Amino acid sequence: MNLAEKHLAELYQNQKGITWQCDITNRIYMKFGDTLTAFKIQDFLNFRRKVNKVDIHEMIFNLSDDYDFELIEAPQNGFSSQLTLCEIVQLRDLLDGTKFSLHVTSMLFEVLGEGAFA
């Protein structure tokens, strides 16, 4: 990442990844495994919805090899990976934690105003 660290605010982190918000580019940066991806806010929300649509129940109980992995893609952002059930659960946690952090930050700005964070 070539951005100065002072412009990046960590949003959420788990064992498999971390997300930051950049004040300069107004993007969400996600490092998941070895992949670093930048999302516009709307692209991030769309990607999160796509990941949450994966049928975890089917992956757990279907014994077919076709359900061992799920291809998760966000081609406009350069993310494409075949993920196992555990990796999908970890990615969901990362995305949900990030969305929660964005929501809380947004509420704080709304209630306290920008001056409270200066």
N, C-alpha and C. Protein backbone atom coordinates (compact mmCIF):
# COMPACT_ATOMS: atom_id res chain seq x y z
N MET A 1 0.85 -1.17 0.00
CA MET A 1 0.00 0.00 0.00
C MET A 1 0.90 1.24 0.00
N ASN A 2 0.65 2.15 -0.93
CA ASN A 2 1.50 3.33 -1.07
C ASN A 2 0.96 4.55 -0.34
N LEU A 3 -0.13 4.41 0.34
CA LEU A 3 -0.72 5.55 1.04
C LEU A 3 -0.04 5.75 2.38
N ALA A 4 0.05 7.00 2.76
CA ALA A 4 0.63 7.31 4.07
C ALA A 4 -0.25 6.72 5.16
N GLU A 5 0.36 6.10 6.15
CA GLU A 5 -0.41 5.43 7.20
C GLU A 5 -1.30 6.38 7.98
N LYS A 6 -0.96 7.66 8.04
CA LYS A 6 -1.78 8.58 8.83
C LYS A 6 -3.15 8.81 8.20
N HIS A 7 -3.32 8.41 6.93
CA HIS A 7 -4.61 8.57 6.27
C HIS A 7 -5.46 7.30 6.33
N LEU A 8 -4.92 6.26 6.93
CA LEU A 8 -5.64 4.99 7.04
C LEU A 8 -6.12 4.79 8.47
N ALA A 9 -7.38 4.45 8.59
CA ALA A 9 -7.95 4.14 9.91
C ALA A 9 -8.38 2.67 9.88
N GLU A 10 -7.86 1.90 10.83
CA GLU A 10 -8.25 0.50 10.91
C GLU A 10 -9.72 0.41 11.29
N LEU A 11 -10.44 -0.42 10.56
CA LEU A 11 -11.86 -0.61 10.85
C LEU A 11 -12.12 -1.89 11.63
N TYR A 12 -11.52 -2.99 11.16
CA TYR A 12 -11.79 -4.28 11.80
C TYR A 12 -10.67 -5.25 11.44
N GLN A 13 -10.44 -6.20 12.33
CA GLN A 13 -9.40 -7.20 12.09
C GLN A 13 -9.83 -8.53 12.70
N ASN A 14 -9.53 -9.61 11.98
CA ASN A 14 -9.70 -10.95 12.54
C ASN A 14 -8.46 -11.76 12.20
N GLN A 15 -8.49 -13.06 12.44
CA GLN A 15 -7.30 -13.89 12.23
C GLN A 15 -6.87 -13.95 10.77
N LYS A 16 -7.80 -13.79 9.86
CA LYS A 16 -7.50 -13.97 8.43
C LYS A 16 -7.31 -12.66 7.68
N GLY A 17 -7.75 -11.53 8.25
CA GLY A 17 -7.66 -10.29 7.49
C GLY A 17 -7.82 -9.04 8.32
N ILE A 18 -7.76 -7.92 7.60
CA ILE A 18 -7.88 -6.60 8.22
C ILE A 18 -8.46 -5.64 7.19
N THR A 19 -9.20 -4.64 7.66
CA THR A 19 -9.71 -3.61 6.77
C THR A 19 -9.35 -2.23 7.32
N TRP A 20 -9.15 -1.31 6.39
CA TRP A 20 -8.86 0.09 6.71
C TRP A 20 -9.75 0.97 5.87
N GLN A 21 -9.97 2.19 6.34
CA GLN A 21 -10.64 3.21 5.55
C GLN A 21 -9.63 4.30 5.28
N CYS A 22 -9.57 4.74 4.01
CA CYS A 22 -8.63 5.80 3.62
C CYS A 22 -9.37 7.12 3.51
N ASP A 23 -8.86 8.13 4.21
CA ASP A 23 -9.45 9.47 4.18
C ASP A 23 -9.23 10.16 2.83
N ILE A 24 -8.15 9.83 2.14
CA ILE A 24 -7.80 10.49 0.88
C ILE A 24 -8.63 9.94 -0.28
N THR A 25 -8.66 8.62 -0.41
CA THR A 25 -9.33 8.00 -1.56
C THR A 25 -10.77 7.63 -1.29
N ASN A 26 -11.21 7.72 -0.04
CA ASN A 26 -12.56 7.35 0.37
C ASN A 26 -12.87 5.91 -0.05
N ARG A 27 -11.92 5.03 0.20
CA ARG A 27 -12.07 3.62 -0.14
C ARG A 27 -11.84 2.76 1.09
N ILE A 28 -12.37 1.56 1.01
CA ILE A 28 -12.13 0.54 2.02
C ILE A 28 -11.05 -0.38 1.47
N TYR A 29 -9.97 -0.56 2.20
CA TYR A 29 -8.91 -1.48 1.81
C TYR A 29 -9.05 -2.73 2.66
N MET A 30 -9.05 -3.88 1.98
CA MET A 30 -9.22 -5.15 2.67
C MET A 30 -8.03 -6.04 2.34
N LYS A 31 -7.37 -6.52 3.38
CA LYS A 31 -6.33 -7.53 3.20
C LYS A 31 -6.91 -8.81 3.76
N PHE A 32 -7.11 -9.77 2.86
CA PHE A 32 -7.66 -11.07 3.27
C PHE A 32 -6.70 -12.13 2.76
N GLY A 33 -6.07 -12.82 3.69
CA GLY A 33 -5.02 -13.76 3.29
C GLY A 33 -3.87 -12.98 2.68
N ASP A 34 -3.51 -13.32 1.47
CA ASP A 34 -2.42 -12.63 0.77
C ASP A 34 -2.93 -11.59 -0.22
N THR A 35 -4.22 -11.34 -0.25
CA THR A 35 -4.82 -10.46 -1.25
C THR A 35 -5.19 -9.11 -0.63
N LEU A 36 -4.76 -8.04 -1.29
CA LEU A 36 -5.13 -6.69 -0.89
C LEU A 36 -6.06 -6.13 -1.95
N THR A 37 -7.24 -5.66 -1.53
CA THR A 37 -8.26 -5.18 -2.45
C THR A 37 -8.77 -3.83 -1.96
N ALA A 38 -9.02 -2.92 -2.91
CA ALA A 38 -9.59 -1.61 -2.59
C ALA A 38 -11.02 -1.56 -3.13
N PHE A 39 -11.94 -1.09 -2.29
CA PHE A 39 -13.35 -0.99 -2.66
C PHE A 39 -13.85 0.42 -2.48
N LYS A 40 -14.66 0.90 -3.42
CA LYS A 40 -15.49 2.05 -3.15
C LYS A 40 -16.54 1.56 -2.17
N ILE A 41 -17.14 2.45 -1.43
CA ILE A 41 -18.09 2.04 -0.39
C ILE A 41 -19.22 1.18 -0.98
N GLN A 42 -19.81 1.61 -2.09
CA GLN A 42 -20.92 0.85 -2.68
C GLN A 42 -20.45 -0.51 -3.16
N ASP A 43 -19.24 -0.58 -3.74
CA ASP A 43 -18.69 -1.88 -4.17
C ASP A 43 -18.47 -2.80 -2.97
N PHE A 44 -18.01 -2.22 -1.86
CA PHE A 44 -17.82 -3.00 -0.64
C PHE A 44 -19.13 -3.61 -0.17
N LEU A 45 -20.19 -2.80 -0.14
CA LEU A 45 -21.50 -3.28 0.32
C LEU A 45 -22.06 -4.35 -0.62
N ASN A 46 -21.85 -4.18 -1.92
CA ASN A 46 -22.29 -5.19 -2.89
C ASN A 46 -21.51 -6.49 -2.72
N PHE A 47 -20.20 -6.37 -2.50
CA PHE A 47 -19.37 -7.55 -2.28
C PHE A 47 -19.80 -8.29 -1.02
N ARG A 48 -20.09 -7.55 0.03
CA ARG A 48 -20.55 -8.14 1.28
C ARG A 48 -21.85 -8.91 1.08
N ARG A 49 -22.78 -8.31 0.32
CA ARG A 49 -24.04 -8.99 0.03
C ARG A 49 -23.80 -10.28 -0.74
N LYS A 50 -22.90 -10.25 -1.70
CA LYS A 50 -22.58 -11.44 -2.50
C LYS A 50 -22.01 -12.55 -1.61
N VAL A 51 -21.11 -12.20 -0.71
CA VAL A 51 -20.51 -13.19 0.18
C VAL A 51 -21.56 -13.75 1.14
N ASN A 52 -22.46 -12.90 1.61
CA ASN A 52 -23.50 -13.36 2.53
C ASN A 52 -24.55 -14.24 1.86
N LYS A 53 -24.61 -14.24 0.52
CA LYS A 53 -25.55 -15.09 -0.20
C LYS A 53 -25.05 -16.53 -0.35
N VAL A 54 -23.79 -16.78 -0.04
CA VAL A 54 -23.26 -18.14 -0.13
C VAL A 54 -24.02 -19.01 0.87
N ASP A 55 -24.49 -20.15 0.40
CA ASP A 55 -25.29 -21.05 1.23
C ASP A 55 -24.37 -21.92 2.09
N ILE A 56 -24.06 -21.43 3.28
CA ILE A 56 -23.19 -22.14 4.22
C ILE A 56 -23.79 -23.50 4.59
N HIS A 57 -25.07 -23.53 4.82
CA HIS A 57 -25.75 -24.77 5.20
C HIS A 57 -25.53 -25.84 4.12
N GLU A 58 -25.67 -25.46 2.86
CA GLU A 58 -25.46 -26.40 1.76
C GLU A 58 -24.01 -26.88 1.72
N MET A 59 -23.08 -25.99 1.97
CA MET A 59 -21.65 -26.38 1.95
C MET A 59 -21.35 -27.38 3.07
N ILE A 60 -22.00 -27.22 4.20
CA ILE A 60 -21.75 -28.11 5.33
C ILE A 60 -22.32 -29.50 5.08
N PHE A 61 -23.54 -29.57 4.58
CA PHE A 61 -24.24 -30.85 4.55
C PHE A 61 -24.21 -31.58 3.21
N ASN A 62 -23.79 -30.91 2.14
CA ASN A 62 -23.73 -31.59 0.85
C ASN A 62 -22.37 -32.27 0.73
N LEU A 63 -22.36 -33.55 0.52
CA LEU A 63 -21.12 -34.33 0.48
C LEU A 63 -20.42 -34.29 -0.88
N SER A 64 -21.03 -33.68 -1.86
CA SER A 64 -20.43 -33.58 -3.19
C SER A 64 -19.18 -32.70 -3.14
N ASP A 65 -18.19 -33.07 -3.94
CA ASP A 65 -16.95 -32.27 -4.02
C ASP A 65 -17.22 -30.85 -4.54
N ASP A 66 -18.31 -30.66 -5.25
CA ASP A 66 -18.65 -29.33 -5.80
C ASP A 66 -18.90 -28.30 -4.70
N TYR A 67 -19.18 -28.77 -3.49
CA TYR A 67 -19.50 -27.86 -2.40
C TYR A 67 -18.35 -27.68 -1.40
N ASP A 68 -17.16 -28.17 -1.76
CA ASP A 68 -16.00 -28.00 -0.88
C ASP A 68 -15.45 -26.58 -0.94
N PHE A 69 -15.62 -25.92 -2.09
CA PHE A 69 -15.11 -24.57 -2.30
C PHE A 69 -16.19 -23.72 -2.95
N GLU A 70 -16.08 -22.43 -2.76
CA GLU A 70 -16.96 -21.47 -3.43
C GLU A 70 -16.10 -20.40 -4.07
N LEU A 71 -16.36 -20.11 -5.33
CA LEU A 71 -15.63 -19.05 -6.01
C LEU A 71 -16.26 -17.71 -5.64
N ILE A 72 -15.47 -16.86 -5.04
CA ILE A 72 -15.93 -15.52 -4.65
C ILE A 72 -15.17 -14.52 -5.51
N GLU A 73 -15.91 -13.66 -6.21
CA GLU A 73 -15.29 -12.70 -7.11
C GLU A 73 -15.85 -11.30 -6.92
N ALA A 74 -14.96 -10.36 -7.11
CA ALA A 74 -15.31 -8.96 -7.27
C ALA A 74 -14.39 -8.45 -8.38
N PRO A 75 -14.72 -8.78 -9.64
CA PRO A 75 -13.79 -8.51 -10.75
C PRO A 75 -13.43 -7.04 -10.90
N GLN A 76 -14.35 -6.14 -10.61
CA GLN A 76 -14.06 -4.71 -10.73
C GLN A 76 -13.03 -4.25 -9.71
N ASN A 77 -12.82 -5.06 -8.67
CA ASN A 77 -11.86 -4.73 -7.62
C ASN A 77 -10.66 -5.66 -7.61
N GLY A 78 -10.60 -6.59 -8.52
CA GLY A 78 -9.46 -7.48 -8.61
C GLY A 78 -9.43 -8.58 -7.57
N PHE A 79 -10.58 -8.94 -7.02
CA PHE A 79 -10.63 -10.02 -6.03
C PHE A 79 -11.28 -11.22 -6.66
N SER A 80 -10.59 -12.34 -6.64
CA SER A 80 -11.13 -13.60 -7.12
C SER A 80 -10.41 -14.71 -6.37
N SER A 81 -11.20 -15.56 -5.69
CA SER A 81 -10.58 -16.61 -4.90
C SER A 81 -11.56 -17.75 -4.68
N GLN A 82 -11.04 -18.96 -4.69
CA GLN A 82 -11.84 -20.11 -4.31
C GLN A 82 -11.63 -20.31 -2.82
N LEU A 83 -12.70 -20.20 -2.06
CA LEU A 83 -12.60 -20.23 -0.61
C LEU A 83 -13.27 -21.47 -0.04
N THR A 84 -12.68 -21.98 1.02
CA THR A 84 -13.27 -23.09 1.76
C THR A 84 -14.37 -22.56 2.66
N LEU A 85 -15.11 -23.45 3.27
CA LEU A 85 -16.16 -23.06 4.20
C LEU A 85 -15.61 -22.18 5.32
N CYS A 86 -14.50 -22.59 5.92
CA CYS A 86 -13.91 -21.81 7.02
C CYS A 86 -13.48 -20.43 6.54
N GLU A 87 -12.90 -20.34 5.36
CA GLU A 87 -12.47 -19.05 4.83
C GLU A 87 -13.66 -18.14 4.54
N ILE A 88 -14.76 -18.72 4.07
CA ILE A 88 -15.96 -17.91 3.83
C ILE A 88 -16.50 -17.36 5.13
N VAL A 89 -16.51 -18.18 6.16
CA VAL A 89 -16.97 -17.72 7.48
C VAL A 89 -16.06 -16.59 7.99
N GLN A 90 -14.75 -16.73 7.81
CA GLN A 90 -13.82 -15.68 8.24
C GLN A 90 -13.98 -14.41 7.41
N LEU A 91 -14.22 -14.56 6.10
CA LEU A 91 -14.45 -13.39 5.25
C LEU A 91 -15.75 -12.70 5.65
N ARG A 92 -16.79 -13.46 5.92
CA ARG A 92 -18.05 -12.86 6.38
C ARG A 92 -17.84 -12.07 7.67
N ASP A 93 -17.10 -12.65 8.59
CA ASP A 93 -16.82 -11.96 9.86
C ASP A 93 -16.09 -10.65 9.59
N LEU A 94 -15.10 -10.68 8.71
CA LEU A 94 -14.33 -9.47 8.38
C LEU A 94 -15.24 -8.42 7.75
N LEU A 95 -16.06 -8.82 6.80
CA LEU A 95 -16.95 -7.87 6.12
C LEU A 95 -18.03 -7.34 7.06
N ASP A 96 -18.61 -8.22 7.87
CA ASP A 96 -19.65 -7.77 8.81
C ASP A 96 -19.09 -6.86 9.89
N GLY A 97 -17.91 -7.20 10.40
CA GLY A 97 -17.25 -6.35 11.39
C GLY A 97 -16.91 -4.98 10.83
N THR A 98 -16.48 -4.97 9.58
CA THR A 98 -16.16 -3.70 8.91
C THR A 98 -17.40 -2.86 8.73
N LYS A 99 -18.49 -3.48 8.27
CA LYS A 99 -19.74 -2.72 8.08
C LYS A 99 -20.23 -2.17 9.41
N PHE A 100 -20.14 -2.96 10.47
CA PHE A 100 -20.55 -2.50 11.79
C PHE A 100 -19.70 -1.30 12.22
N SER A 101 -18.40 -1.39 12.01
CA SER A 101 -17.50 -0.29 12.37
C SER A 101 -17.84 0.98 11.58
N LEU A 102 -18.12 0.84 10.29
CA LEU A 102 -18.52 1.99 9.47
C LEU A 102 -19.82 2.60 9.99
N HIS A 103 -20.75 1.75 10.37
CA HIS A 103 -22.04 2.22 10.86
C HIS A 103 -21.87 2.98 12.19
N VAL A 104 -21.08 2.43 13.09
CA VAL A 104 -20.86 3.09 14.39
C VAL A 104 -20.15 4.43 14.18
N THR A 105 -19.14 4.44 13.34
CA THR A 105 -18.41 5.69 13.07
C THR A 105 -19.34 6.74 12.47
N SER A 106 -20.18 6.31 11.55
CA SER A 106 -21.14 7.22 10.93
C SER A 106 -22.10 7.80 11.96
N MET A 107 -22.58 6.95 12.87
CA MET A 107 -23.48 7.44 13.91
C MET A 107 -22.78 8.42 14.84
N LEU A 108 -21.52 8.14 15.18
CA LEU A 108 -20.78 9.05 16.06
C LEU A 108 -20.58 10.41 15.40
N PHE A 109 -20.24 10.41 14.10
CA PHE A 109 -20.09 11.68 13.38
C PHE A 109 -21.41 12.44 13.37
N GLU A 110 -22.50 11.72 13.20
CA GLU A 110 -23.82 12.35 13.15
C GLU A 110 -24.19 12.96 14.50
N VAL A 111 -23.91 12.25 15.57
CA VAL A 111 -24.30 12.72 16.91
C VAL A 111 -23.31 13.74 17.45
N LEU A 112 -22.01 13.46 17.34
CA LEU A 112 -21.01 14.32 17.95
C LEU A 112 -20.42 15.38 17.02
N GLY A 113 -20.54 15.18 15.74
CA GLY A 113 -19.96 16.10 14.77
C GLY A 113 -18.49 15.78 14.54
N GLU A 114 -17.96 16.30 13.44
CA GLU A 114 -16.57 16.01 13.06
C GLU A 114 -15.56 16.55 14.07
N GLY A 115 -15.88 17.61 14.75
CA GLY A 115 -14.93 18.21 15.70
C GLY A 115 -14.55 17.29 16.84
N ALA A 116 -15.39 16.33 17.13
CA ALA A 116 -15.11 15.41 18.24
C ALA A 116 -13.97 14.46 17.90
N PHE A 117 -13.65 14.30 16.64
CA PHE A 117 -12.60 13.36 16.22
C PHE A 117 -11.30 14.06 15.86
N ALA A 118 -11.27 15.34 15.96
CA ALA A 118 -10.05 16.08 15.60
C ALA A 118 -9.00 16.02 16.66
